[in-house]
Amino acid sequence: MVTFLNQDGSVREHRAFAEGWLDAETNEYLGRPVDVSMLRDGSLLVLDDHAGALYRICYGERR
């Protein structure tokens, strides 16, 4: 989740940041993110030990 704040520090909005690890129809987990690390370029590495995957989340243009 990402929380956006107003100028006075009060909460304006909550929004999902990264999702897709839960099947909405069956309510079964498709993954289990367990660790996050930030790289120098600002992107995030997310380790999923259920799927055995490492995801890179970045902003801007795809590289």
C-alpha atoms as a PDB file:
ATOM      1  CA  MET A   1       0.000   0.000   0.000  1.00  0.00           C
ATOM      2  CA  VAL A   2       1.003   3.583  -0.623  1.00  0.00           C
ATOM      3  CA  THR A   3      -0.386   6.360   1.528  1.00  0.00           C
ATOM      4  CA  PHE A   4      -0.653   9.828   0.018  1.00  0.00           C
ATOM      5  CA  LEU A   5      -0.686  12.749   2.438  1.00  0.00           C
ATOM      6  CA  ASN A   6      -2.141  16.232   2.348  1.00  0.00           C
ATOM      7  CA  GLN A   7       0.078  19.261   3.020  1.00  0.00           C
ATOM      8  CA  ASP A   8      -0.956  19.184   6.689  1.00  0.00           C
ATOM      9  CA  GLY A   9       0.136  15.553   7.067  1.00  0.00           C
ATOM     10  CA  SER A  10      -3.348  14.043   7.155  1.00  0.00           C
ATOM     11  CA  VAL A  11      -4.118  11.020   4.972  1.00  0.00           C
ATOM     12  CA  ARG A  12      -5.544  11.840   1.550  1.00  0.00           C
ATOM     13  CA  GLU A  13      -5.654   8.375  -0.017  1.00  0.00           C
ATOM     14  CA  HIS A  14      -4.464   4.767   0.236  1.00  0.00           C
ATOM     15  CA  ARG A  15      -3.657   2.921  -2.981  1.00  0.00           C
ATOM     16  CA  ALA A  16      -2.292  -0.522  -3.813  1.00  0.00           C
ATOM     17  CA  PHE A  17       1.367  -0.293  -4.829  1.00  0.00           C
ATOM     18  CA  ALA A  18       2.052  -3.853  -5.953  1.00  0.00           C
ATOM     19  CA  GLU A  19      -0.556  -6.553  -6.210  1.00  0.00           C
ATOM     20  CA  GLY A  20      -1.363  -9.785  -7.975  1.00  0.00           C
ATOM     21  CA  TRP A  21      -0.239 -12.342  -5.411  1.00  0.00           C
ATOM     22  CA  LEU A  22      -3.799 -13.362  -4.526  1.00  0.00           C
ATOM     23  CA  ASP A  23      -6.295 -15.013  -6.865  1.00  0.00           C
ATOM     24  CA  ALA A  24      -9.503 -13.043  -6.214  1.00  0.00           C
ATOM     25  CA  GLU A  25     -11.761 -15.872  -7.435  1.00  0.00           C
ATOM     26  CA  THR A  26     -10.272 -18.754  -5.432  1.00  0.00           C
ATOM     27  CA  ASN A  27      -8.723 -16.653  -2.631  1.00  0.00           C
ATOM     28  CA  GLU A  28      -5.523 -18.706  -3.069  1.00  0.00           C
ATOM     29  CA  TYR A  29      -2.052 -17.212  -2.877  1.00  0.00           C
ATOM     30  CA  LEU A  30      -0.091 -17.153  -6.131  1.00  0.00           C
ATOM     31  CA  GLY A  31       2.977 -15.782  -4.437  1.00  0.00           C
ATOM     32  CA  ARG A  32       4.362 -14.621  -1.122  1.00  0.00           C
ATOM     33  CA  PRO A  33       6.549 -11.508  -1.174  1.00  0.00           C
ATOM     34  CA  VAL A  34       8.933 -11.766   1.764  1.00  0.00           C
ATOM     35  CA  ASP A  35      11.723  -9.236   1.257  1.00  0.00           C
ATOM     36  CA  VAL A  36      12.255  -5.877  -0.437  1.00  0.00           C
ATOM     37  CA  SER A  37      15.493  -4.125  -1.338  1.00  0.00           C
ATOM     38  CA  MET A  38      16.047  -0.768  -3.057  1.00  0.00           C
ATOM     39  CA  LEU A  39      18.608  -0.418  -5.841  1.00  0.00           C
ATOM     40  CA  ARG A  40      20.636   2.735  -6.560  1.00  0.00           C
ATOM     41  CA  ASP A  41      18.338   3.695  -9.450  1.00  0.00           C
ATOM     42  CA  GLY A  42      15.340   3.759  -7.087  1.00  0.00           C
ATOM     43  CA  SER A  43      13.812   0.511  -8.295  1.00  0.00           C
ATOM     44  CA  LEU A  44      12.758  -2.178  -5.832  1.00  0.00           C
ATOM     45  CA  LEU A  45      13.588  -5.872  -5.814  1.00  0.00           C
ATOM     46  CA  VAL A  46      10.846  -8.043  -4.322  1.00  0.00           C
ATOM     47  CA  LEU A  47      11.613 -11.640  -3.394  1.00  0.00           C
ATOM     48  CA  ASP A  48       8.714 -14.106  -3.719  1.00  0.00           C
ATOM     49  CA  ASP A  49       9.545 -17.348  -1.930  1.00  0.00           C
ATOM     50  CA  HIS A  50       6.279 -19.071  -2.915  1.00  0.00           C
ATOM     51  CA  ALA A  51       6.837 -18.698  -6.670  1.00  0.00           C
ATOM     52  CA  GLY A  52      10.627 -18.726  -6.414  1.00  0.00           C
ATOM     53  CA  ALA A  53      10.783 -15.410  -8.242  1.00  0.00           C
ATOM     54  CA  LEU A  54      12.545 -12.075  -7.947  1.00  0.00           C
ATOM     55  CA  TYR A  55      10.607  -9.076  -9.275  1.00  0.00           C
ATOM     56  CA  ARG A  56      12.013  -5.650 -10.126  1.00  0.00           C
ATOM     57  CA  ILE A  57       9.600  -2.748  -9.737  1.00  0.00           C
ATOM     58  CA  CYS A  58      10.616   0.525 -11.380  1.00  0.00           C
ATOM     59  CA  TYR A  59       9.073   3.773 -12.512  1.00  0.00           C
ATOM     60  CA  GLY A  60       9.337   5.613 -15.785  1.00  0.00           C
ATOM     61  CA  GLU A  61      10.378   3.965 -19.030  1.00  0.00           C
ATOM     62  CA  ARG A  62      10.890   0.244 -19.192  1.00  0.00           C
ATOM     63  CA  ARG A  63      14.539  -0.777 -19.507  1.00  0.00           C
END
